[in-house]
Amino acid sequence: MFAAIGLIVLLIISLQLFVSLPEIKPDSGLPVYGKAPDFTGIQNWINSDPLSIGYLKGKVVLVDFWTYSCINCIRTLPYLKSWHEKYSDKGFTI
């Protein structure tokens, strides 16, 4: 459980490094972070064909960065599998 929470916190912190401070849209009250950058410089994809931001538009996406043989990364796998089983039919993509 703590590994999954740590992964989410790390993901949020990592994503904040790629975006500037949000603008607040007056009509919705939600922050606008701008467009996500496309995936570039990736040599190999595992378990899927290469994905693009255009393909993922409108979906909730979790990008999980692993370090080879990292035990903490491996420990998150049951949580990721469970989330995929529960939410992939609703547009959630890992």
PDB file of N, CA and C in Angstrom:
ATOM      1  N   MET A   1       0.825  -1.188   0.000  1.00  0.00           N
ATOM      2  CA  MET A   1       0.000   0.000   0.000  1.00  0.00           C
ATOM      3  C   MET A   1       0.869   1.250   0.000  1.00  0.00           C
ATOM      4  N   PHE A   2       1.898   1.244   0.860  1.00  0.00           N
ATOM      5  CA  PHE A   2       2.768   2.407   0.923  1.00  0.00           C
ATOM      6  C   PHE A   2       3.535   2.596  -0.380  1.00  0.00           C
ATOM      7  N   ALA A   3       3.869   1.476  -1.029  1.00  0.00           N
ATOM      8  CA  ALA A   3       4.570   1.568  -2.313  1.00  0.00           C
ATOM      9  C   ALA A   3       3.688   2.239  -3.355  1.00  0.00           C
ATOM     10  N   ALA A   4       2.404   1.906  -3.358  1.00  0.00           N
ATOM     11  CA  ALA A   4       1.482   2.509  -4.326  1.00  0.00           C
ATOM     12  C   ALA A   4       1.307   3.995  -4.046  1.00  0.00           C
ATOM     13  N   ILE A   5       1.174   4.360  -2.787  1.00  0.00           N
ATOM     14  CA  ILE A   5       1.040   5.773  -2.429  1.00  0.00           C
ATOM     15  C   ILE A   5       2.313   6.519  -2.804  1.00  0.00           C
ATOM     16  N   GLY A   6       3.453   5.905  -2.526  1.00  0.00           N
ATOM     17  CA  GLY A   6       4.728   6.523  -2.897  1.00  0.00           C
ATOM     18  C   GLY A   6       4.849   6.712  -4.388  1.00  0.00           C
ATOM     19  N   LEU A   7       4.372   5.725  -5.159  1.00  0.00           N
ATOM     20  CA  LEU A   7       4.409   5.821  -6.617  1.00  0.00           C
ATOM     21  C   LEU A   7       3.545   6.986  -7.099  1.00  0.00           C
ATOM     22  N   ILE A   8       2.368   7.131  -6.532  1.00  0.00           N
ATOM     23  CA  ILE A   8       1.478   8.219  -6.936  1.00  0.00           C
ATOM     24  C   ILE A   8       2.099   9.568  -6.595  1.00  0.00           C
ATOM     25  N   VAL A   9       2.652   9.688  -5.403  1.00  0.00           N
ATOM     26  CA  VAL A   9       3.300  10.941  -5.011  1.00  0.00           C
ATOM     27  C   VAL A   9       4.474  11.240  -5.932  1.00  0.00           C
ATOM     28  N   LEU A  10       5.278  10.231  -6.228  1.00  0.00           N
ATOM     29  CA  LEU A  10       6.417  10.419  -7.125  1.00  0.00           C
ATOM     30  C   LEU A  10       5.954  10.828  -8.512  1.00  0.00           C
ATOM     31  N   LEU A  11       4.871  10.216  -8.990  1.00  0.00           N
ATOM     32  CA  LEU A  11       4.341  10.566 -10.303  1.00  0.00           C
ATOM     33  C   LEU A  11       3.870  12.014 -10.328  1.00  0.00           C
ATOM     34  N   ILE A  12       3.170  12.445  -9.300  1.00  0.00           N
ATOM     35  CA  ILE A  12       2.691  13.825  -9.247  1.00  0.00           C
ATOM     36  C   ILE A  12       3.858  14.797  -9.218  1.00  0.00           C
ATOM     37  N   ILE A  13       4.859  14.503  -8.412  1.00  0.00           N
ATOM     38  CA  ILE A  13       6.038  15.366  -8.338  1.00  0.00           C
ATOM     39  C   ILE A  13       6.758  15.389  -9.683  1.00  0.00           C
ATOM     40  N   SER A  14       6.899  14.215 -10.316  1.00  0.00           N
ATOM     41  CA  SER A  14       7.575  14.146 -11.606  1.00  0.00           C
ATOM     42  C   SER A  14       6.832  14.938 -12.665  1.00  0.00           C
ATOM     43  N   LEU A  15       5.512  14.823 -12.685  1.00  0.00           N
ATOM     44  CA  LEU A  15       4.728  15.553 -13.677  1.00  0.00           C
ATOM     45  C   LEU A  15       4.831  17.058 -13.474  1.00  0.00           C
ATOM     46  N   GLN A  16       4.941  17.491 -12.227  1.00  0.00           N
ATOM     47  CA  GLN A  16       5.054  18.916 -11.962  1.00  0.00           C
ATOM     48  C   GLN A  16       6.367  19.487 -12.495  1.00  0.00           C
ATOM     49  N   LEU A  17       7.387  18.645 -12.655  1.00  0.00           N
ATOM     50  CA  LEU A  17       8.646  19.109 -13.213  1.00  0.00           C
ATOM     51  C   LEU A  17       8.516  19.435 -14.701  1.00  0.00           C
ATOM     52  N   PHE A  18       7.521  18.826 -15.392  1.00  0.00           N
ATOM     53  CA  PHE A  18       7.358  19.001 -16.819  1.00  0.00           C
ATOM     54  C   PHE A  18       6.380  20.108 -17.186  1.00  0.00           C
ATOM     55  N   VAL A  19       5.703  20.656 -16.231  1.00  0.00           N
ATOM     56  CA  VAL A  19       4.698  21.669 -16.536  1.00  0.00           C
ATOM     57  C   VAL A  19       4.967  22.922 -15.726  1.00  0.00           C
ATOM     58  N   SER A  20       4.478  24.031 -16.240  1.00  0.00           N
ATOM     59  CA  SER A  20       4.607  25.275 -15.500  1.00  0.00           C
ATOM     60  C   SER A  20       3.451  25.386 -14.517  1.00  0.00           C
ATOM     61  N   LEU A  21       3.456  26.432 -13.736  1.00  0.00           N
ATOM     62  CA  LEU A  21       2.362  26.637 -12.802  1.00  0.00           C
ATOM     63  C   LEU A  21       1.050  26.757 -13.565  1.00  0.00           C
ATOM     64  N   PRO A  22      -0.009  26.215 -13.009  1.00  0.00           N
ATOM     65  CA  PRO A  22      -1.277  26.193 -13.745  1.00  0.00           C
ATOM     66  C   PRO A  22      -1.943  27.555 -13.824  1.00  0.00           C
ATOM     67  N   GLU A  23      -2.677  27.732 -14.897  1.00  0.00           N
ATOM     68  CA  GLU A  23      -3.582  28.866 -15.003  1.00  0.00           C
ATOM     69  C   GLU A  23      -4.938  28.378 -14.514  1.00  0.00           C
ATOM     70  N   ILE A  24      -5.704  29.250 -13.925  1.00  0.00           N
ATOM     71  CA  ILE A  24      -7.038  28.861 -13.486  1.00  0.00           C
ATOM     72  C   ILE A  24      -8.042  29.416 -14.494  1.00  0.00           C
ATOM     73  N   LYS A  25      -8.830  28.502 -15.081  1.00  0.00           N
ATOM     74  CA  LYS A  25      -9.862  28.930 -16.015  1.00  0.00           C
ATOM     75  C   LYS A  25     -11.029  29.484 -15.199  1.00  0.00           C
ATOM     76  N   PRO A  26     -11.447  30.707 -15.470  1.00  0.00           N
ATOM     77  CA  PRO A  26     -12.515  31.302 -14.674  1.00  0.00           C
ATOM     78  C   PRO A  26     -13.838  30.552 -14.785  1.00  0.00           C
ATOM     79  N   ASP A  27     -14.112  29.916 -15.915  1.00  0.00           N
ATOM     80  CA  ASP A  27     -15.402  29.260 -16.088  1.00  0.00           C
ATOM     81  C   ASP A  27     -15.494  27.911 -15.389  1.00  0.00           C
ATOM     82  N   SER A  28     -14.377  27.223 -15.149  1.00  0.00           N
ATOM     83  CA  SER A  28     -14.450  25.893 -14.548  1.00  0.00           C
ATOM     84  C   SER A  28     -13.846  25.826 -13.152  1.00  0.00           C
ATOM     85  N   GLY A  29     -12.945  26.728 -12.837  1.00  0.00           N
ATOM     86  CA  GLY A  29     -12.262  26.672 -11.556  1.00  0.00           C
ATOM     87  C   GLY A  29     -11.176  25.611 -11.496  1.00  0.00           C
ATOM     88  N   LEU A  30     -10.934  24.913 -12.621  1.00  0.00           N
ATOM     89  CA  LEU A  30      -9.915  23.867 -12.662  1.00  0.00           C
ATOM     90  C   LEU A  30      -8.612  24.407 -13.234  1.00  0.00           C
ATOM     91  N   PRO A  31      -7.479  23.900 -12.763  1.00  0.00           N
ATOM     92  CA  PRO A  31      -6.197  24.370 -13.301  1.00  0.00           C
ATOM     93  C   PRO A  31      -5.973  23.871 -14.724  1.00  0.00           C
ATOM     94  N   VAL A  32      -5.293  24.685 -15.515  1.00  0.00           N
ATOM     95  CA  VAL A  32      -4.925  24.324 -16.886  1.00  0.00           C
ATOM     96  C   VAL A  32      -3.406  24.215 -16.921  1.00  0.00           C
ATOM     97  N   TYR A  33      -2.903  23.023 -17.164  1.00  0.00           N
ATOM     98  CA  TYR A  33      -1.468  22.782 -17.167  1.00  0.00           C
ATOM     99  C   TYR A  33      -0.868  22.826 -18.565  1.00  0.00           C
ATOM    100  N   GLY A  34      -1.677  22.911 -19.578  1.00  0.00           N
ATOM    101  CA  GLY A  34      -1.176  22.892 -20.940  1.00  0.00           C
ATOM    102  C   GLY A  34      -1.170  21.471 -21.470  1.00  0.00           C
ATOM    103  N   LYS A  35      -0.633  21.316 -22.671  1.00  0.00           N
ATOM    104  CA  LYS A  35      -0.605  20.005 -23.313  1.00  0.00           C
ATOM    105  C   LYS A  35       0.568  19.175 -22.792  1.00  0.00           C
ATOM    106  N   ALA A  36       0.325  17.896 -22.668  1.00  0.00           N
ATOM    107  CA  ALA A  36       1.390  16.972 -22.271  1.00  0.00           C
ATOM    108  C   ALA A  36       2.345  16.794 -23.441  1.00  0.00           C
ATOM    109  N   PRO A  37       3.631  16.680 -23.178  1.00  0.00           N
ATOM    110  CA  PRO A  37       4.579  16.445 -24.275  1.00  0.00           C
ATOM    111  C   PRO A  37       4.425  15.030 -24.815  1.00  0.00           C
ATOM    112  N   ASP A  38       4.753  14.846 -26.079  1.00  0.00           N
ATOM    113  CA  ASP A  38       4.695  13.510 -26.670  1.00  0.00           C
ATOM    114  C   ASP A  38       5.886  12.688 -26.183  1.00  0.00           C
ATOM    115  N   PHE A  39       5.765  11.381 -26.263  1.00  0.00           N
ATOM    116  CA  PHE A  39       6.854  10.486 -25.876  1.00  0.00           C
ATOM    117  C   PHE A  39       7.897  10.493 -26.984  1.00  0.00           C
ATOM    118  N   THR A  40       9.123  10.876 -26.661  1.00  0.00           N
ATOM    119  CA  THR A  40      10.191  10.901 -27.660  1.00  0.00           C
ATOM    120  C   THR A  40      11.436  10.222 -27.090  1.00  0.00           C
ATOM    121  N   GLY A  41      12.272   9.728 -27.976  1.00  0.00           N
ATOM    122  CA  GLY A  41      13.544   9.147 -27.569  1.00  0.00           C
ATOM    123  C   GLY A  41      13.438   7.776 -26.922  1.00  0.00           C
ATOM    124  N   ILE A  42      12.297   7.117 -27.075  1.00  0.00           N
ATOM    125  CA  ILE A  42      12.122   5.797 -26.488  1.00  0.00           C
ATOM    126  C   ILE A  42      12.520   4.758 -27.534  1.00  0.00           C
ATOM    127  N   GLN A  43      13.453   3.898 -27.176  1.00  0.00           N
ATOM    128  CA  GLN A  43      13.945   2.916 -28.132  1.00  0.00           C
ATOM    129  C   GLN A  43      13.081   1.663 -28.182  1.00  0.00           C
ATOM    130  N   ASN A  44      12.564   1.213 -27.034  1.00  0.00           N
ATOM    131  CA  ASN A  44      11.781  -0.018 -26.979  1.00  0.00           C
ATOM    132  C   ASN A  44      10.553   0.176 -26.104  1.00  0.00           C
ATOM    133  N   TRP A  45       9.448  -0.381 -26.544  1.00  0.00           N
ATOM    134  CA  TRP A  45       8.215  -0.391 -25.758  1.00  0.00           C
ATOM    135  C   TRP A  45       7.993  -1.809 -25.269  1.00  0.00           C
ATOM    136  N   ILE A  46       7.509  -1.950 -24.045  1.00  0.00           N
ATOM    137  CA  ILE A  46       7.238  -3.259 -23.478  1.00  0.00           C
ATOM    138  C   ILE A  46       5.727  -3.414 -23.317  1.00  0.00           C
ATOM    139  N   ASN A  47       5.200  -4.521 -23.790  1.00  0.00           N
ATOM    140  CA  ASN A  47       3.794  -4.907 -23.636  1.00  0.00           C
ATOM    141  C   ASN A  47       2.806  -4.029 -24.385  1.00  0.00           C
ATOM    142  N   SER A  48       3.253  -3.235 -25.336  1.00  0.00           N
ATOM    143  CA  SER A  48       2.314  -2.473 -26.167  1.00  0.00           C
ATOM    144  C   SER A  48       3.041  -1.958 -27.406  1.00  0.00           C
ATOM    145  N   ASP A  49       2.251  -1.546 -28.363  1.00  0.00           N
ATOM    146  CA  ASP A  49       2.817  -0.819 -29.490  1.00  0.00           C
ATOM    147  C   ASP A  49       3.163   0.580 -28.996  1.00  0.00           C
ATOM    148  N   PRO A  50       4.027   1.311 -29.693  1.00  0.00           N
ATOM    149  CA  PRO A  50       4.336   2.673 -29.272  1.00  0.00           C
ATOM    150  C   PRO A  50       3.064   3.516 -29.159  1.00  0.00           C
ATOM    151  N   LEU A  51       2.993   4.306 -28.094  1.00  0.00           N
ATOM    152  CA  LEU A  51       1.831   5.155 -27.850  1.00  0.00           C
ATOM    153  C   LEU A  51       2.173   6.607 -28.130  1.00  0.00           C
ATOM    154  N   SER A  52       1.166   7.373 -28.481  1.00  0.00           N
ATOM    155  CA  SER A  52       1.349   8.809 -28.691  1.00  0.00           C
ATOM    156  C   SER A  52       0.345   9.556 -27.819  1.00  0.00           C
ATOM    157  N   ILE A  53       0.618  10.809 -27.584  1.00  0.00           N
ATOM    158  CA  ILE A  53      -0.286  11.639 -26.795  1.00  0.00           C
ATOM    159  C   ILE A  53      -1.639  11.742 -27.499  1.00  0.00           C
ATOM    160  N   GLY A  54      -1.631  11.806 -28.823  1.00  0.00           N
ATOM    161  CA  GLY A  54      -2.889  11.868 -29.567  1.00  0.00           C
ATOM    162  C   GLY A  54      -3.764  10.653 -29.328  1.00  0.00           C
ATOM    163  N   TYR A  55      -3.163   9.479 -29.263  1.00  0.00           N
ATOM    164  CA  TYR A  55      -3.902   8.243 -29.011  1.00  0.00           C
ATOM    165  C   TYR A  55      -4.479   8.224 -27.596  1.00  0.00           C
ATOM    166  N   LEU A  56      -3.754   8.806 -26.644  1.00  0.00           N
ATOM    167  CA  LEU A  56      -4.157   8.772 -25.243  1.00  0.00           C
ATOM    168  C   LEU A  56      -5.103   9.906 -24.855  1.00  0.00           C
ATOM    169  N   LYS A  57      -5.366  10.825 -25.777  1.00  0.00           N
ATOM    170  CA  LYS A  57      -6.212  11.981 -25.470  1.00  0.00           C
ATOM    171  C   LYS A  57      -7.570  11.523 -24.956  1.00  0.00           C
ATOM    172  N   GLY A  58      -8.006  12.126 -23.856  1.00  0.00           N
ATOM    173  CA  GLY A  58      -9.294  11.804 -23.268  1.00  0.00           C
ATOM    174  C   GLY A  58      -9.259  10.656 -22.283  1.00  0.00           C
ATOM    175  N   LYS A  59      -8.089  10.067 -22.068  1.00  0.00           N
ATOM    176  CA  LYS A  59      -7.960   8.953 -21.132  1.00  0.00           C
ATOM    177  C   LYS A  59      -7.219   9.416 -19.886  1.00  0.00           C
ATOM    178  N   VAL A  60      -7.404   8.691 -18.810  1.00  0.00           N
ATOM    179  CA  VAL A  60      -6.608   8.906 -17.604  1.00  0.00           C
ATOM    180  C   VAL A  60      -5.400   7.995 -17.738  1.00  0.00           C
ATOM    181  N   VAL A  61      -4.205   8.587 -17.679  1.00  0.00           N
ATOM    182  CA  VAL A  61      -2.986   7.839 -17.983  1.00  0.00           C
ATOM    183  C   VAL A  61      -2.035   7.873 -16.793  1.00  0.00           C
ATOM    184  N   LEU A  62      -1.525   6.707 -16.426  1.00  0.00           N
ATOM    185  CA  LEU A  62      -0.480   6.597 -15.422  1.00  0.00           C
ATOM    186  C   LEU A  62       0.784   6.170 -16.139  1.00  0.00           C
ATOM    187  N   VAL A  63       1.806   6.996 -16.085  1.00  0.00           N
ATOM    188  CA  VAL A  63       3.099   6.654 -16.670  1.00  0.00           C
ATOM    189  C   VAL A  63       3.990   6.225 -15.514  1.00  0.00           C
ATOM    190  N   ASP A  64       4.420   4.985 -15.555  1.00  0.00           N
ATOM    191  CA  ASP A  64       5.193   4.400 -14.466  1.00  0.00           C
ATOM    192  C   ASP A  64       6.629   4.180 -14.942  1.00  0.00           C
ATOM    193  N   PHE A  65       7.569   4.911 -14.377  1.00  0.00           N
ATOM    194  CA  PHE A  65       8.978   4.777 -14.734  1.00  0.00           C
ATOM    195  C   PHE A  65       9.639   3.795 -13.774  1.00  0.00           C
ATOM    196  N   TRP A  66      10.283   2.799 -14.344  1.00  0.00           N
ATOM    197  CA  TRP A  66      10.956   1.779 -13.551  1.00  0.00           C
ATOM    198  C   TRP A  66      12.458   1.857 -13.727  1.00  0.00           C
ATOM    199  N   THR A  67      13.155   1.445 -12.689  1.00  0.00           N
ATOM    200  CA  THR A  67      14.584   1.196 -12.778  1.00  0.00           C
ATOM    201  C   THR A  67      14.749  -0.319 -12.805  1.00  0.00           C
ATOM    202  N   TYR A  68      15.575  -0.806 -13.695  1.00  0.00           N
ATOM    203  CA  TYR A  68      15.746  -2.248 -13.870  1.00  0.00           C
ATOM    204  C   TYR A  68      16.041  -2.929 -12.543  1.00  0.00           C
ATOM    205  N   SER A  69      15.264  -3.921 -12.214  1.00  0.00           N
ATOM    206  CA  SER A  69      15.373  -4.775 -11.028  1.00  0.00           C
ATOM    207  C   SER A  69      15.182  -4.031  -9.699  1.00  0.00           C
ATOM    208  N   CYS A  70      14.580  -2.849  -9.731  1.00  0.00           N
ATOM    209  CA  CYS A  70      14.322  -2.093  -8.509  1.00  0.00           C
ATOM    210  C   CYS A  70      13.208  -2.782  -7.723  1.00  0.00           C
ATOM    211  N   ILE A  71      13.486  -3.190  -6.497  1.00  0.00           N
ATOM    212  CA  ILE A  71      12.511  -3.927  -5.692  1.00  0.00           C
ATOM    213  C   ILE A  71      11.286  -3.072  -5.394  1.00  0.00           C
ATOM    214  N   ASN A  72      11.459  -1.784  -5.168  1.00  0.00           N
ATOM    215  CA  ASN A  72      10.311  -0.925  -4.900  1.00  0.00           C
ATOM    216  C   ASN A  72       9.421  -0.788  -6.133  1.00  0.00           C
ATOM    217  N   CYS A  73      10.011  -0.784  -7.313  1.00  0.00           N
ATOM    218  CA  CYS A  73       9.231  -0.751  -8.548  1.00  0.00           C
ATOM    219  C   CYS A  73       8.450  -2.050  -8.708  1.00  0.00           C
ATOM    220  N   ILE A  74       9.098  -3.163  -8.452  1.00  0.00           N
ATOM    221  CA  ILE A  74       8.466  -4.472  -8.590  1.00  0.00           C
ATOM    222  C   ILE A  74       7.306  -4.618  -7.617  1.00  0.00           C
ATOM    223  N   ARG A  75       7.433  -4.069  -6.438  1.00  0.00           N
ATOM    224  CA  ARG A  75       6.375  -4.178  -5.424  1.00  0.00           C
ATOM    225  C   ARG A  75       5.106  -3.437  -5.814  1.00  0.00           C
ATOM    226  N   THR A  76       5.183  -2.490  -6.726  1.00  0.00           N
ATOM    227  CA  THR A  76       3.976  -1.763  -7.149  1.00  0.00           C
ATOM    228  C   THR A  76       3.159  -2.556  -8.161  1.00  0.00           C
ATOM    229  N   LEU A  77       3.740  -3.602  -8.738  1.00  0.00           N
ATOM    230  CA  LEU A  77       3.071  -4.337  -9.809  1.00  0.00           C
ATOM    231  C   LEU A  77       1.692  -4.876  -9.432  1.00  0.00           C
ATOM    232  N   PRO A  78       1.476  -5.458  -8.257  1.00  0.00           N
ATOM    233  CA  PRO A  78       0.120  -5.932  -7.926  1.00  0.00           C
ATOM    234  C   PRO A  78      -0.915  -4.804  -7.917  1.00  0.00           C
ATOM    235  N   TYR A  79      -0.524  -3.625  -7.459  1.00  0.00           N
ATOM    236  CA  TYR A  79      -1.446  -2.491  -7.444  1.00  0.00           C
ATOM    237  C   TYR A  79      -1.764  -2.036  -8.867  1.00  0.00           C
ATOM    238  N   LEU A  80      -0.740  -1.975  -9.703  1.00  0.00           N
ATOM    239  CA  LEU A  80      -0.954  -1.571 -11.088  1.00  0.00           C
ATOM    240  C   LEU A  80      -1.863  -2.555 -11.812  1.00  0.00           C
ATOM    241  N   LYS A  81      -1.639  -3.844 -11.598  1.00  0.00           N
ATOM    242  CA  LYS A  81      -2.486  -4.864 -12.217  1.00  0.00           C
ATOM    243  C   LYS A  81      -3.933  -4.721 -11.757  1.00  0.00           C
ATOM    244  N   SER A  82      -4.109  -4.513 -10.478  1.00  0.00           N
ATOM    245  CA  SER A  82      -5.457  -4.364  -9.927  1.00  0.00           C
ATOM    246  C   SER A  82      -6.161  -3.143 -10.506  1.00  0.00           C
ATOM    247  N   TRP A  83      -5.477  -2.019 -10.571  1.00  0.00           N
ATOM    248  CA  TRP A  83      -6.073  -0.799 -11.145  1.00  0.00           C
ATOM    249  C   TRP A  83      -6.416  -1.016 -12.609  1.00  0.00           C
ATOM    250  N   HIS A  84      -5.530  -1.714 -13.337  1.00  0.00           N
ATOM    251  CA  HIS A  84      -5.800  -1.991 -14.752  1.00  0.00           C
ATOM    252  C   HIS A  84      -7.072  -2.834 -14.902  1.00  0.00           C
ATOM    253  N   GLU A  85      -7.196  -3.874 -14.090  1.00  0.00           N
ATOM    254  CA  GLU A  85      -8.378  -4.736 -14.164  1.00  0.00           C
ATOM    255  C   GLU A  85      -9.656  -3.978 -13.826  1.00  0.00           C
ATOM    256  N   LYS A  86      -9.596  -3.087 -12.847  1.00  0.00           N
ATOM    257  CA  LYS A  86     -10.791  -2.364 -12.400  1.00  0.00           C
ATOM    258  C   LYS A  86     -11.203  -1.227 -13.337  1.00  0.00           C
ATOM    259  N   TYR A  87     -10.212  -0.525 -13.914  1.00  0.00           N
ATOM    260  CA  TYR A  87     -10.525   0.738 -14.573  1.00  0.00           C
ATOM    261  C   TYR A  87     -10.179   0.832 -16.057  1.00  0.00           C
ATOM    262  N   SER A  88      -9.566  -0.190 -16.643  1.00  0.00           N
ATOM    263  CA  SER A  88      -9.162  -0.070 -18.047  1.00  0.00           C
ATOM    264  C   SER A  88     -10.358   0.088 -18.968  1.00  0.00           C
ATOM    265  N   ASP A  89     -11.490  -0.494 -18.635  1.00  0.00           N
ATOM    266  CA  ASP A  89     -12.680  -0.347 -19.476  1.00  0.00           C
ATOM    267  C   ASP A  89     -13.316   1.034 -19.354  1.00  0.00           C
ATOM    268  N   LYS A  90     -12.835   1.850 -18.405  1.00  0.00           N
ATOM    269  CA  LYS A  90     -13.343   3.205 -18.231  1.00  0.00           C
ATOM    270  C   LYS A  90     -12.381   4.266 -18.782  1.00  0.00           C
ATOM    271  N   GLY A  91     -11.346   3.815 -19.520  1.00  0.00           N
ATOM    272  CA  GLY A  91     -10.414   4.750 -20.133  1.00  0.00           C
ATOM    273  C   GLY A  91      -9.103   4.925 -19.388  1.00  0.00           C
ATOM    274  N   PHE A  92      -8.880   4.160 -18.323  1.00  0.00           N
ATOM    275  CA  PHE A  92      -7.620   4.257 -17.568  1.00  0.00           C
ATOM    276  C   PHE A  92      -6.562   3.445 -18.288  1.00  0.00           C
ATOM    277  N   THR A  93      -5.413   4.061 -18.507  1.00  0.00           N
ATOM    278  CA  THR A  93      -4.318   3.409 -19.221  1.00  0.00           C
ATOM    279  C   THR A  93      -3.042   3.523 -18.400  1.00  0.00           C
ATOM    280  N   ILE A  94      -2.352   2.400 -18.291  1.00  0.00           N
ATOM    281  CA  ILE A  94      -1.044   2.413 -17.605  1.00  0.00           C
ATOM    282  C   ILE A  94       0.017   2.225 -18.670  1.00  0.00           C
TER     283      ILE A  94
END
